[in-house]
Amino acid sequence: MTLFATFNDILNSDVLSRIANYVDEPAEKTHKAVDGLVYTIVGGLMKRTTTEIGVNQLFNHIKRLYKPGRRQPYGFSRQVHRHSWQCA
């Protein structure tokens, strides 16, 4: 499973329709906007990881967010395999 497939699973049509209703926009426009947002976030992460310092900062931030006992975000489990998070 790729990162983009994971985002597609999490941001399914039900979630996108809820977002569309919340922002009072058509579902098609909302889907395009969310797709663009996902690619922008991934691009930013890729840029951040081009240096060792950036990788360390990102990894330390993720470790702080996923402390034991802390509630995990939707769709993610705390299975760590060499600096990667696995989707549930």
Protein backbone atom coordinates (compact mmCIF):
# COMPACT_ATOMS: atom_id res chain seq x y z
CA MET A 1 0.00 0.00 0.00
CA THR A 2 1.35 3.42 -0.92
CA LEU A 3 1.07 6.62 1.04
CA PHE A 4 -1.40 8.03 -1.48
CA ALA A 5 -3.54 4.88 -1.30
CA THR A 6 -3.59 5.27 2.48
CA PHE A 7 -4.79 8.86 2.15
CA ASN A 8 -7.47 7.71 -0.30
CA ASP A 9 -8.64 5.10 2.20
CA ILE A 10 -8.81 7.63 5.03
CA LEU A 11 -10.31 10.40 2.90
CA ASN A 12 -13.04 8.23 1.40
CA SER A 13 -16.17 9.54 -0.30
CA ASP A 14 -18.07 9.74 3.00
CA VAL A 15 -15.39 11.93 4.59
CA LEU A 16 -15.11 14.09 1.47
CA SER A 17 -18.89 14.60 1.33
CA ARG A 18 -18.87 15.65 4.99
CA ILE A 19 -16.10 18.14 4.27
CA ALA A 20 -18.02 19.43 1.25
CA ASN A 21 -21.16 19.90 3.34
CA TYR A 22 -19.19 21.64 6.07
CA VAL A 23 -17.57 24.16 3.71
CA ASP A 24 -20.76 24.39 1.60
CA GLU A 25 -19.02 23.52 -1.67
CA PRO A 26 -19.77 20.89 -4.32
CA ALA A 27 -18.23 17.47 -3.64
CA GLU A 28 -16.21 17.54 -6.88
CA LYS A 29 -14.52 20.84 -5.99
CA THR A 30 -13.85 19.64 -2.46
CA HIS A 31 -12.29 16.42 -3.75
CA LYS A 32 -9.94 18.37 -6.02
CA ALA A 33 -8.98 20.72 -3.19
CA VAL A 34 -8.27 17.86 -0.79
CA ASP A 35 -6.22 16.03 -3.44
CA GLY A 36 -4.15 19.17 -3.93
CA LEU A 37 -3.71 19.54 -0.19
CA VAL A 38 -2.49 15.94 0.18
CA TYR A 39 0.08 16.37 -2.59
CA THR A 40 1.22 19.69 -1.08
CA ILE A 41 1.71 18.12 2.34
CA VAL A 42 3.61 15.15 0.91
CA GLY A 43 5.76 17.51 -1.17
CA GLY A 44 6.58 19.52 1.93
CA LEU A 45 7.53 16.36 3.81
CA MET A 46 9.73 15.26 0.91
CA LYS A 47 11.48 18.63 0.91
CA ARG A 48 11.95 18.42 4.68
CA THR A 49 13.60 15.00 4.39
CA THR A 50 16.32 16.04 1.93
CA THR A 51 18.73 16.74 4.79
CA GLU A 52 19.70 14.68 7.82
CA ILE A 53 18.71 17.53 10.12
CA GLY A 54 15.28 17.72 8.50
CA VAL A 55 14.77 13.97 8.84
CA ASN A 56 15.75 14.09 12.52
CA GLN A 57 13.42 17.04 13.19
CA LEU A 58 10.52 15.28 11.48
CA PHE A 59 11.17 11.98 13.25
CA ASN A 60 11.44 13.69 16.66
CA HIS A 61 8.19 15.52 16.02
CA ILE A 62 6.45 12.24 15.12
CA LYS A 63 7.84 10.57 18.26
CA ARG A 64 6.45 13.41 20.40
CA LEU A 65 3.03 13.05 18.79
CA TYR A 66 2.87 9.27 19.24
CA LYS A 67 3.87 8.81 22.87
CA PRO A 68 2.63 5.62 24.56
CA GLY A 69 -0.84 6.09 26.00
CA ARG A 70 -1.66 9.01 23.73
CA ARG A 71 -4.72 8.62 21.50
CA GLN A 72 -3.70 7.77 17.94
CA PRO A 73 -5.13 9.63 14.92
CA TYR A 74 -7.78 7.98 12.79
CA GLY A 75 -6.56 4.93 10.90
CA PHE A 76 -3.09 4.65 12.42
CA SER A 77 -1.59 2.16 14.82
CA ARG A 78 1.64 2.43 16.75
CA GLN A 79 3.58 -0.21 14.81
CA VAL A 80 7.03 1.21 14.20
CA HIS A 81 9.42 -0.46 11.76
CA ARG A 82 12.64 1.54 11.33
CA HIS A 83 11.15 5.05 11.35
CA SER A 84 7.96 4.24 9.43
CA TRP A 85 4.37 4.27 10.64
CA GLN A 86 2.07 1.54 9.49
CA CYS A 87 -1.56 2.14 8.67
CA ALA A 88 -4.08 -0.04 10.51
